[in-house]
Protein backbone atom coordinates (compact mmCIF):
# COMPACT_ATOMS: atom_id res chain seq x y z
CA UNK A 1 43.47 210.58 -42.05
CA UNK A 2 46.70 208.83 -41.11
CA UNK A 3 48.29 210.93 -38.37
CA UNK A 4 51.60 209.01 -38.55
CA UNK A 5 52.12 209.87 -42.22
CA UNK A 6 54.76 212.57 -42.76
CA UNK A 7 53.63 215.94 -44.10
CA UNK A 8 53.90 216.27 -47.89
CA UNK A 9 56.22 219.28 -48.08
CA UNK A 10 57.16 221.55 -50.96
CA UNK A 11 60.56 219.86 -51.27
CA UNK A 12 58.89 216.44 -51.64
CA UNK A 13 56.58 217.86 -54.32
CA UNK A 14 59.55 219.26 -56.26
CA UNK A 15 61.39 215.93 -56.06
CA UNK A 16 58.41 213.85 -57.18
CA UNK A 17 57.65 216.22 -60.08
CA UNK A 18 61.28 216.00 -61.18
CA UNK A 19 61.29 212.20 -60.94
CA UNK A 20 58.02 211.71 -62.82
CA UNK A 21 58.75 214.29 -65.54
CA UNK A 22 62.37 213.20 -65.97
CA UNK A 23 63.82 216.66 -65.34
CA UNK A 24 66.21 218.08 -62.77
CA UNK A 25 64.98 219.32 -59.41
CA UNK A 26 66.15 222.83 -60.34
CA UNK A 27 63.89 222.77 -63.41
CA UNK A 28 61.04 221.30 -61.36
CA UNK A 29 61.33 224.11 -58.80
CA UNK A 30 61.34 226.74 -61.57
CA UNK A 31 58.20 225.25 -63.15
CA UNK A 32 56.37 225.24 -59.81
CA UNK A 33 57.35 228.82 -59.00
CA UNK A 34 56.47 230.00 -62.52
CA UNK A 35 53.02 228.40 -62.24
CA UNK A 36 52.42 230.26 -58.97
CA UNK A 37 53.45 233.56 -60.61
CA UNK A 38 51.09 232.96 -63.55
CA UNK A 39 48.17 232.26 -61.21
CA UNK A 40 48.82 235.47 -59.25
CA UNK A 41 49.14 237.49 -62.47
CA UNK A 42 46.11 236.16 -64.36
CA UNK A 43 43.52 235.69 -61.59
CA UNK A 44 42.81 239.44 -61.14
CA UNK A 45 41.97 239.63 -64.88
CA UNK A 46 39.37 236.83 -64.74
CA UNK A 47 38.82 233.28 -63.51
CA UNK A 48 41.94 231.13 -63.80
CA UNK A 49 41.29 227.40 -64.08
CA UNK A 50 43.75 224.61 -63.33
CA UNK A 51 42.15 221.76 -65.32
CA UNK A 52 41.01 218.95 -63.07
CA UNK A 53 42.06 220.76 -59.89
CA UNK A 54 40.43 224.08 -59.04
CA UNK A 55 39.36 227.54 -60.18
CA UNK A 56 40.76 230.83 -58.87
CA UNK A 57 38.53 233.88 -59.14
CA UNK A 58 38.16 237.32 -57.59
CA UNK A 59 34.71 238.08 -56.12
CA UNK A 60 33.46 241.42 -54.76
CA UNK A 61 32.60 241.76 -51.08
CA UNK A 62 30.04 244.30 -49.84
CA UNK A 63 30.74 246.83 -47.13
CA UNK A 64 30.33 245.48 -43.61
CA UNK A 65 29.77 246.94 -40.18
CA UNK A 66 32.30 246.05 -37.48
CA UNK A 67 32.90 247.10 -33.90
CA UNK A 68 36.21 247.54 -32.14
CA UNK A 69 35.96 245.24 -29.07
CA UNK A 70 38.36 247.41 -27.07
CA UNK A 71 36.77 250.82 -27.56
CA UNK A 72 33.30 249.87 -28.78
CA UNK A 73 33.76 252.20 -31.76
CA UNK A 74 31.62 251.37 -34.82
CA UNK A 75 33.68 250.72 -37.95
CA UNK A 76 32.88 250.22 -41.62
CA UNK A 77 34.85 247.75 -43.74
CA UNK A 78 34.70 249.24 -47.27
CA UNK A 79 33.80 247.09 -50.28
CA UNK A 80 36.74 245.06 -51.49
CA UNK A 81 37.69 242.09 -53.62
CA UNK A 82 38.37 238.65 -52.17
CA UNK A 83 39.90 235.49 -53.58
CA UNK A 84 37.61 232.48 -54.02
CA UNK A 85 39.00 229.02 -54.78
CA UNK A 86 36.58 226.34 -55.99
CA UNK A 87 37.65 222.71 -56.31
CA UNK A 88 36.82 220.91 -59.53
CA UNK A 89 34.14 218.24 -59.31
CA UNK A 90 36.51 215.49 -60.46
CA UNK A 91 39.03 216.51 -57.80
CA UNK A 92 36.40 216.56 -55.05
CA UNK A 93 35.17 213.08 -55.96
CA UNK A 94 38.71 211.70 -56.21
CA UNK A 95 39.85 213.16 -52.88
CA UNK A 96 36.64 212.67 -50.89
CA UNK A 97 34.28 210.24 -52.69
CA UNK A 98 30.63 210.59 -51.82
CA UNK A 99 29.08 207.80 -49.77
CA UNK A 100 25.42 207.00 -50.55
CA UNK A 101 22.96 207.42 -47.69
CA UNK A 102 21.40 204.31 -46.16
CA UNK A 103 18.40 203.87 -43.84
CA UNK A 104 19.21 204.51 -40.21
CA UNK A 105 17.94 201.06 -39.22
CA UNK A 106 20.49 199.38 -41.53
CA UNK A 107 23.50 201.45 -40.44
CA UNK A 108 26.04 199.55 -38.37
CA UNK A 109 29.23 201.39 -37.39
CA UNK A 110 32.45 199.49 -37.91
CA UNK A 111 33.80 198.12 -34.60
CA UNK A 112 37.16 199.43 -33.52
CA UNK A 113 39.97 196.95 -33.90
CA UNK A 114 41.46 196.06 -30.50
CA UNK A 115 45.18 196.48 -30.10
CA UNK A 116 46.94 193.13 -30.24
CA UNK A 117 49.61 192.89 -27.52
CA UNK A 118 53.03 191.77 -28.58
CA UNK A 119 53.78 188.12 -27.92
CA UNK A 120 56.46 187.84 -25.21
CA UNK A 121 59.57 185.96 -26.15
CA UNK A 122 60.15 182.80 -24.11
CA UNK A 123 63.88 182.37 -23.51
CA UNK A 124 63.42 178.57 -23.17
CA UNK A 125 61.91 178.27 -26.65
CA UNK A 126 64.58 177.43 -29.23
CA UNK A 127 65.15 180.19 -31.69
CA UNK A 128 64.06 179.73 -35.29
CA UNK A 129 67.05 179.21 -37.58
CA UNK A 130 67.80 182.43 -39.43
CA UNK A 131 69.25 183.02 -42.86
CA UNK A 132 73.02 183.54 -43.00
CA UNK A 133 73.97 187.03 -41.93
CA UNK A 134 75.44 189.38 -44.48
CA UNK A 135 78.95 190.76 -43.97
CA UNK A 136 79.26 193.58 -41.49
CA UNK A 137 78.69 197.03 -42.99
CA UNK A 138 81.37 199.67 -42.56
CA UNK A 139 80.44 201.69 -39.48
CA UNK A 140 80.59 205.02 -41.25
CA UNK A 141 77.79 204.51 -43.81
CA UNK A 142 74.84 202.37 -44.95
CA UNK A 143 73.83 201.92 -48.60
CA UNK A 144 70.39 200.82 -49.82
CA UNK A 145 67.86 201.41 -52.60
CA UNK A 146 64.67 203.44 -52.44
CA UNK A 147 61.68 201.05 -52.72
CA UNK A 148 59.83 203.65 -54.79
CA UNK A 149 62.23 204.68 -57.57
CA UNK A 150 65.16 202.26 -57.03
CA UNK A 151 67.70 205.07 -56.52
CA UNK A 152 70.74 203.99 -54.51
CA UNK A 153 71.18 206.03 -51.32
CA UNK A 154 73.99 206.38 -48.78
CA UNK A 155 73.27 207.40 -45.18
CA UNK A 156 75.41 207.64 -42.04
CA UNK A 157 75.25 204.67 -39.68
CA UNK A 158 73.85 206.97 -36.95
CA UNK A 159 70.65 207.21 -39.01
CA UNK A 160 69.81 203.47 -38.77
CA UNK A 161 66.11 203.06 -38.02
CA UNK A 162 65.25 206.71 -38.74
CA UNK A 163 62.93 208.06 -41.42
CA UNK A 164 64.69 209.77 -44.32
CA UNK A 165 63.55 211.37 -47.56
CA UNK A 166 64.67 209.91 -50.88
CA UNK A 167 66.64 212.68 -52.67
CA UNK A 168 65.29 211.45 -56.02
CA UNK A 169 61.52 210.94 -55.66
CA UNK A 170 60.84 212.40 -52.19
CA UNK A 171 59.49 209.16 -50.74
CA UNK A 172 59.93 208.58 -46.99
CA UNK A 173 62.17 205.55 -46.41
CA UNK A 174 63.57 203.90 -43.28
CA UNK A 175 67.35 203.58 -43.12
CA UNK A 176 68.05 199.82 -42.73
CA UNK A 177 70.51 198.29 -40.26
CA UNK A 178 72.50 196.55 -43.01
CA UNK A 179 73.50 197.61 -46.49
CA UNK A 180 71.38 196.14 -49.23
CA UNK A 181 72.98 193.50 -51.47
CA UNK A 182 74.21 194.91 -54.77
CA UNK A 183 74.73 198.43 -53.40
CA UNK A 184 77.97 200.25 -52.64
CA UNK A 185 78.58 198.78 -49.16
CA UNK A 186 76.45 195.65 -49.53
CA UNK A 187 77.55 192.18 -50.63
CA UNK A 188 77.78 191.68 -54.41
CA UNK A 189 74.96 189.98 -56.29
CA UNK A 190 76.31 187.24 -58.55
CA UNK A 191 79.89 187.02 -59.75
CA UNK A 192 80.08 190.45 -61.35
CA UNK A 193 81.12 193.16 -58.85
CA UNK A 194 79.21 196.41 -58.88
CA UNK A 195 81.19 199.25 -60.50
CA UNK A 196 82.01 201.91 -57.94
CA UNK A 197 80.96 205.40 -59.04
CA UNK A 198 81.70 208.60 -57.10
CA UNK A 199 79.02 209.41 -54.53
CA UNK A 200 76.87 212.47 -55.29
CA UNK A 201 75.55 214.75 -52.55
CA UNK A 202 71.89 215.74 -52.39
CA UNK A 203 72.66 219.30 -53.49
CA UNK A 204 74.70 218.11 -56.48
CA UNK A 205 71.92 215.71 -57.51
CA UNK A 206 69.40 218.54 -57.78
CA UNK A 207 71.21 220.03 -60.80
CA UNK A 208 72.03 216.71 -62.54
CA UNK A 209 70.10 214.90 -65.24
CA UNK A 210 67.96 212.15 -63.61
CA UNK A 211 69.11 209.67 -66.28
CA UNK A 212 72.73 210.08 -65.14
CA UNK A 213 71.81 209.36 -61.51
CA UNK A 214 70.47 205.83 -62.12
CA UNK A 215 73.90 204.21 -61.68
CA UNK A 216 75.13 206.67 -59.04
CA UNK A 217 74.74 206.74 -55.26
CA UNK A 218 73.21 209.83 -53.62
CA UNK A 219 74.37 210.71 -50.12
CA UNK A 220 71.85 211.97 -47.58
CA UNK A 221 73.44 214.90 -45.76
CA UNK A 222 73.90 214.42 -42.03
CA UNK A 223 72.52 217.92 -41.37
CA UNK A 224 69.20 216.94 -42.97
CA UNK A 225 68.93 214.02 -40.54
CA UNK A 226 69.68 216.15 -37.48
CA UNK A 227 73.32 215.04 -36.97
CA UNK A 228 74.95 218.38 -37.78
CA UNK A 229 77.55 219.85 -35.44
CA UNK A 230 75.65 223.10 -35.06
CA UNK A 231 72.15 222.86 -33.69
CA UNK A 232 69.58 225.06 -35.44
CA UNK A 233 68.66 228.16 -33.54
CA UNK A 234 65.23 228.02 -31.97
CA UNK A 235 63.07 230.96 -32.90
CA UNK A 236 61.33 232.58 -29.97
CA UNK A 237 57.69 231.62 -29.85
CA UNK A 238 55.43 234.58 -30.46
CA UNK A 239 52.04 234.42 -28.87
CA UNK A 240 49.47 234.16 -31.65
CA UNK A 241 46.57 236.59 -31.49
CA UNK A 242 43.20 234.96 -32.09
CA UNK A 243 39.93 236.33 -33.43
CA UNK A 244 36.53 234.85 -32.65
CA UNK A 245 33.24 235.43 -34.47
CA UNK A 246 30.01 233.72 -35.51
CA UNK A 247 29.13 232.20 -38.88
CA UNK A 248 26.56 234.48 -40.59
CA UNK A 249 24.56 231.43 -41.66
CA UNK A 250 24.50 228.84 -38.85
CA UNK A 251 25.86 231.03 -36.00
CA UNK A 252 28.59 228.52 -35.23
CA UNK A 253 31.31 230.21 -33.19
CA UNK A 254 34.65 230.13 -35.04
CA UNK A 255 38.20 230.93 -33.99
CA UNK A 256 40.93 232.09 -36.44
CA UNK A 257 44.37 233.66 -36.23
CA UNK A 258 44.80 237.39 -36.77
CA UNK A 259 46.88 236.67 -39.90
CA UNK A 260 43.71 235.45 -41.62
CA UNK A 261 41.80 238.72 -41.09
CA UNK A 262 40.33 239.98 -44.35
CA UNK A 263 40.81 236.66 -46.18
CA UNK A 264 38.06 234.27 -47.34
CA UNK A 265 37.38 231.18 -45.23
CA UNK A 266 34.84 228.38 -45.01
CA UNK A 267 32.62 227.56 -42.05
CA UNK A 268 33.59 224.10 -40.70
CA UNK A 269 29.96 223.45 -39.76
CA UNK A 270 27.81 224.52 -42.76
CA UNK A 271 30.43 225.20 -45.47
CA UNK A 272 29.48 228.87 -46.05
CA UNK A 273 32.29 230.97 -47.57
CA UNK A 274 32.81 234.29 -45.79
CA UNK A 275 35.50 236.81 -44.94
CA UNK A 276 37.35 236.63 -41.62
CA UNK A 277 36.77 239.88 -39.68
CA UNK A 278 39.54 242.05 -38.28
CA UNK A 279 38.13 242.12 -34.72
CA UNK A 280 36.41 239.62 -32.47
CA UNK A 281 32.63 239.76 -32.63
CA UNK A 282 30.68 240.91 -29.61
CA UNK A 283 29.71 238.00 -27.39
CA UNK A 284 32.33 235.61 -28.80
CA UNK A 285 35.06 233.94 -26.77
CA UNK A 286 37.81 236.48 -27.54
CA UNK A 287 35.59 239.53 -27.05
CA UNK A 288 37.54 241.53 -24.44
CA UNK A 289 34.39 242.99 -22.87
CA UNK A 290 33.06 239.49 -22.37
CA UNK A 291 36.33 238.23 -20.94
CA UNK A 292 36.26 240.94 -18.29
CA UNK A 293 32.87 239.74 -17.00
CA UNK A 294 33.23 235.96 -17.31
CA UNK A 295 35.31 233.75 -15.06
CA UNK A 296 38.19 231.66 -16.36
CA UNK A 297 36.18 228.45 -15.91
CA UNK A 298 33.32 229.79 -18.04
CA UNK A 299 35.72 230.91 -20.76
CA UNK A 300 37.45 227.49 -20.79
CA UNK A 301 34.11 225.68 -21.09
CA UNK A 302 33.06 227.89 -23.99
CA UNK A 303 36.39 227.43 -25.72
CA UNK A 304 35.77 223.69 -25.97
CA UNK A 305 32.85 224.44 -28.29
CA UNK A 306 34.84 226.60 -30.67
CA UNK A 307 36.14 225.45 -34.07
CA UNK A 308 39.49 226.74 -35.26
CA UNK A 309 40.37 227.48 -38.89
CA UNK A 310 44.00 226.46 -39.48
CA UNK A 311 46.20 228.70 -41.54
CA UNK A 312 47.02 227.04 -44.93
CA UNK A 313 50.60 225.79 -45.44
CA UNK A 314 51.20 228.10 -48.41
CA UNK A 315 49.62 231.20 -46.78
């Protein structure tokens, strides 16, 4: 997994769907939200299948015995229904292809590539002749084209070198230092000057027909790049309550947030699907009785062996 790759957000999904389907972003958002409503409505009535992606179904869960770690009181979790999501075989193979097993004697791990240090510049070495520089860009804005969809974009000069999101297809692009030839602020290509059309803001582009935006320039709002006059208010960080328990199959200790209590989850070690309990299991890392008897060093050492289940983005 590439850690430097930006997160694929809901807004990027809406923009790419709109670009590929040739509809407005408003229509793309409505389709996505309608699909979510249909899944929530139809799944309780029977399995709902998204062809080539996954299957949503409601499965019954038996009653379970629990114990309150604070009081030691025995509790019963009544039978209830839980949501189970199963990925389609074609999707599993496309996302994570299976690798055939090979004999242990023949396995050779790939060596890590050493980092190549940058070559220092020698001031005595004559510089390589460069291509003629393009005319200076107006200081207030930079214009360029998205390498993915070819949409012309305008960005403030303060955003040079920063990552930005294409308002048309959602692709992450880097704002260049100079305007691209043939764009609004760039040098003309050939003898025919580029016709100047009014610039469209990102919000206005969402409701416009994609075909009408091909010859227009979309402006990236300064607020979206972090150059707004008013800084966004920082929400106070709320300490997240954690629950710890053991996998019923392999006894791997697992840590989850309290928001996931009562929801289905998968063991990171053996893959068993189970339901996250509402209280920490006796003997686990967040068991309050255990924390009172163990030292902080022992608890820290045990915590290094615990796997955490992350809360899904759309939870």
